[in-house]
Amino acid sequence: MTISEKVSYIKGLADGLVLDDNKEGKVLKSIIDVLDDISISIAEIEDGCAEICEQLDAVDEDLSTLEDDFYEEDECCCDDDECCCEDDCYEIECPTCNDVIYLDEDMIDEGGIKCPNCGTNLEFDFDDCKCDDDDCACGCCQNDAEDKE
C-alpha cells in the first residue's frame, strides 16, 4: 500500500465519522489535508527520482561505450608482476622511487613520461645506444631513463 493509498484510506475513515466543525474536527481535517499534500509531494519526488535514474543509466551506458571506443587496446595491459605485451613492451625502473614501469612502443616514441608513482619526469635517451637495431631490446636503451625536473 502506497502512502497516497494510506492517506486516502484515512480520508475515507474521517468522512465516515462525519467530523463536526468543532475544534477537534477542524484539527483532524487539517491534519488529513496536510497528509494528502505530503503524499502528493512524495509521489512527485519518487517519479522524478525514477526519471533521473533512467537518464543516469542511459548516460552510464553511453559512457561505457565511449570508454570502450576510446581506450580500446591502446594502453599497455601490464601489471606489476609481468607484461602481457610480449615484444612490444619494455620495463624500466624509476630512479627516484624505484617503481617498475612498463612502456609500449608509443610511450617510448614520445621520448619521456611522468612516473605514475612519484611524478618524476623520465626521458628516454637513445643517443648512447650501442645497438644498430631500431627495435632495440638489449637493455641499454631501456635503462637510460633520466630524471628531468
Protein backbone atom coordinates (compact mmCIF):
# COMPACT_ATOMS: atom_id res chain seq x y z
CA MET A 1 0.00 0.00 0.00
CA THR A 2 1.46 3.35 -1.05
CA ILE A 3 1.44 6.49 1.07
CA SER A 4 -1.24 8.02 -1.17
CA GLU A 5 -3.43 4.98 -0.70
CA LYS A 6 -2.98 5.12 3.07
CA VAL A 7 -3.92 8.81 3.17
CA SER A 8 -6.98 8.10 1.02
CA TYR A 9 -7.97 5.36 3.45
CA ILE A 10 -7.65 7.79 6.39
CA LYS A 11 -9.72 10.35 4.46
CA GLY A 12 -12.41 7.73 3.96
CA LEU A 13 -12.42 6.89 7.65
CA ALA A 14 -12.70 10.57 8.54
CA ASP A 15 -15.58 11.06 6.07
CA GLY A 16 -17.34 8.09 7.66
CA LEU A 17 -17.04 9.66 11.09
CA VAL A 18 -18.79 12.84 9.94
CA LEU A 19 -16.49 15.15 11.86
CA ASP A 20 -18.11 18.16 13.39
CA ASP A 21 -16.93 21.69 12.81
CA ASN A 22 -15.69 21.87 16.38
CA LYS A 23 -12.01 22.38 17.22
CA GLU A 24 -11.09 18.67 17.17
CA GLY A 25 -12.86 18.09 13.86
CA LYS A 26 -11.11 21.07 12.24
CA VAL A 27 -7.73 19.87 13.51
CA LEU A 28 -8.27 16.35 12.17
CA LYS A 29 -9.40 17.67 8.77
CA SER A 30 -6.34 19.94 8.60
CA ILE A 31 -4.02 17.06 9.50
CA ILE A 32 -5.58 14.89 6.81
CA ASP A 33 -5.20 17.71 4.25
CA VAL A 34 -1.52 18.10 5.16
CA LEU A 35 -1.03 14.33 4.88
CA ASP A 36 -2.64 14.44 1.43
CA ASP A 37 -0.30 17.27 0.33
CA ILE A 38 2.72 15.36 1.67
CA SER A 39 1.71 12.17 -0.13
CA ILE A 40 1.33 14.08 -3.42
CA SER A 41 4.78 15.66 -2.96
CA ILE A 42 6.35 12.29 -2.18
CA ALA A 43 4.74 10.74 -5.27
CA GLU A 44 6.16 13.57 -7.43
CA ILE A 45 9.62 13.12 -5.90
CA GLU A 46 9.52 9.36 -6.49
CA ASP A 47 8.51 9.93 -10.14
CA GLY A 48 11.32 12.47 -10.61
CA CYS A 49 13.82 10.12 -8.99
CA ALA A 50 12.77 7.26 -11.27
CA GLU A 51 13.19 9.51 -14.32
CA ILE A 52 16.63 10.66 -13.16
CA CYS A 53 17.69 7.04 -12.55
CA GLU A 54 16.66 6.12 -16.10
CA GLN A 55 18.63 9.06 -17.51
CA LEU A 56 21.65 8.18 -15.37
CA ASP A 57 21.55 4.58 -16.62
CA ALA A 58 21.47 5.87 -20.21
CA VAL A 59 24.44 8.19 -19.55
CA ASP A 60 26.32 5.32 -17.90
CA GLU A 61 25.75 3.10 -20.93
CA ASP A 62 26.87 5.89 -23.28
CA LEU A 63 29.99 6.50 -21.18
CA SER A 64 30.80 2.81 -21.20
CA THR A 65 30.51 2.75 -24.98
CA LEU A 66 32.77 5.80 -25.29
CA GLU A 67 35.34 4.27 -22.95
CA ASP A 68 35.35 1.07 -24.99
CA ASP A 69 35.78 3.02 -28.23
CA PHE A 70 38.33 5.50 -26.89
CA TYR A 71 40.54 3.26 -24.79
CA GLU A 72 40.23 0.08 -26.88
CA GLU A 73 43.54 -1.75 -26.61
CA ASP A 74 45.81 1.29 -26.91
CA GLU A 75 47.14 1.12 -23.40
CA CYS A 76 49.67 -1.40 -22.21
CA CYS A 77 47.81 -4.02 -20.21
CA CYS A 78 50.73 -4.84 -17.95
CA ASP A 79 50.52 -5.26 -14.23
CA ASP A 80 53.26 -5.16 -11.62
CA ASP A 81 54.19 -8.83 -11.97
CA GLU A 82 54.54 -9.41 -15.68
CA CYS A 83 53.93 -7.89 -19.06
CA CYS A 84 51.38 -9.40 -21.42
CA CYS A 85 52.50 -7.40 -24.47
CA GLU A 86 55.37 -9.73 -25.36
CA ASP A 87 57.93 -7.92 -27.55
CA ASP A 88 56.07 -4.60 -27.68
CA CYS A 89 56.57 -3.76 -24.02
CA TYR A 90 59.64 -2.61 -22.12
CA GLU A 91 60.37 -2.41 -18.45
CA ILE A 92 62.19 0.47 -16.76
CA GLU A 93 62.80 1.41 -13.15
CA CYS A 94 62.21 4.95 -11.93
CA PRO A 95 65.48 6.26 -10.45
CA THR A 96 63.60 8.27 -7.82
CA CYS A 97 61.08 5.83 -6.36
CA ASN A 98 62.42 2.55 -7.87
CA ASP A 99 58.95 1.72 -9.18
CA VAL A 100 58.94 -0.63 -12.19
CA ILE A 101 57.17 0.95 -15.16
CA TYR A 102 56.09 -0.89 -18.30
CA LEU A 103 56.26 1.03 -21.57
CA ASP A 104 54.93 0.25 -25.01
CA GLU A 105 56.40 1.48 -28.30
CA ASP A 106 54.20 4.60 -28.46
CA MET A 107 55.26 5.70 -24.97
CA ILE A 108 58.93 5.27 -25.88
CA ASP A 109 58.45 7.20 -29.14
CA GLU A 110 57.16 10.18 -27.13
CA GLY A 111 60.63 10.46 -25.60
CA GLY A 112 59.55 10.61 -21.98
CA ILE A 113 56.79 10.23 -19.41
CA LYS A 114 55.99 11.14 -15.84
CA CYS A 115 56.42 8.35 -13.34
CA PRO A 116 52.87 7.31 -12.36
CA ASN A 117 54.05 6.64 -8.80
CA CYS A 118 56.08 9.75 -7.88
CA GLY A 119 55.55 12.13 -10.81
CA THR A 120 59.24 12.39 -11.76
CA ASN A 121 59.79 13.33 -15.39
CA LEU A 122 61.58 10.49 -17.14
CA GLU A 123 63.29 11.00 -20.51
CA PHE A 124 64.35 8.20 -22.81
CA ASP A 125 67.71 8.94 -24.45
CA PHE A 126 68.70 6.63 -27.29
CA ASP A 127 71.86 8.53 -28.26
CA ASP A 128 74.05 6.23 -26.14
CA CYS A 129 72.58 3.02 -27.55
CA LYS A 130 75.26 0.64 -28.78
CA CYS A 131 72.79 -1.27 -30.97
CA ASP A 132 72.13 -0.62 -34.62
CA ASP A 133 68.69 -2.19 -34.40
CA ASP A 134 65.65 0.13 -34.46
CA ASP A 135 63.76 -2.31 -32.24
CA CYS A 136 66.46 -2.37 -29.58
CA ALA A 137 65.62 -4.66 -26.70
CA CYS A 138 69.11 -5.18 -25.29
CA GLY A 139 68.54 -3.15 -22.17
CA CYS A 140 70.98 -0.32 -22.83
CA CYS A 141 68.14 1.88 -24.07
CA GLN A 142 65.56 0.77 -21.58
CA ASN A 143 67.62 1.72 -18.58
CA ASP A 144 68.63 5.20 -19.81
CA ALA A 145 65.61 6.90 -18.23
CA GLU A 146 66.97 10.11 -16.76
CA ASP A 147 65.44 12.37 -14.16
CA LYS A 148 64.49 15.74 -15.63
CA GLU A 149 63.00 18.16 -13.17
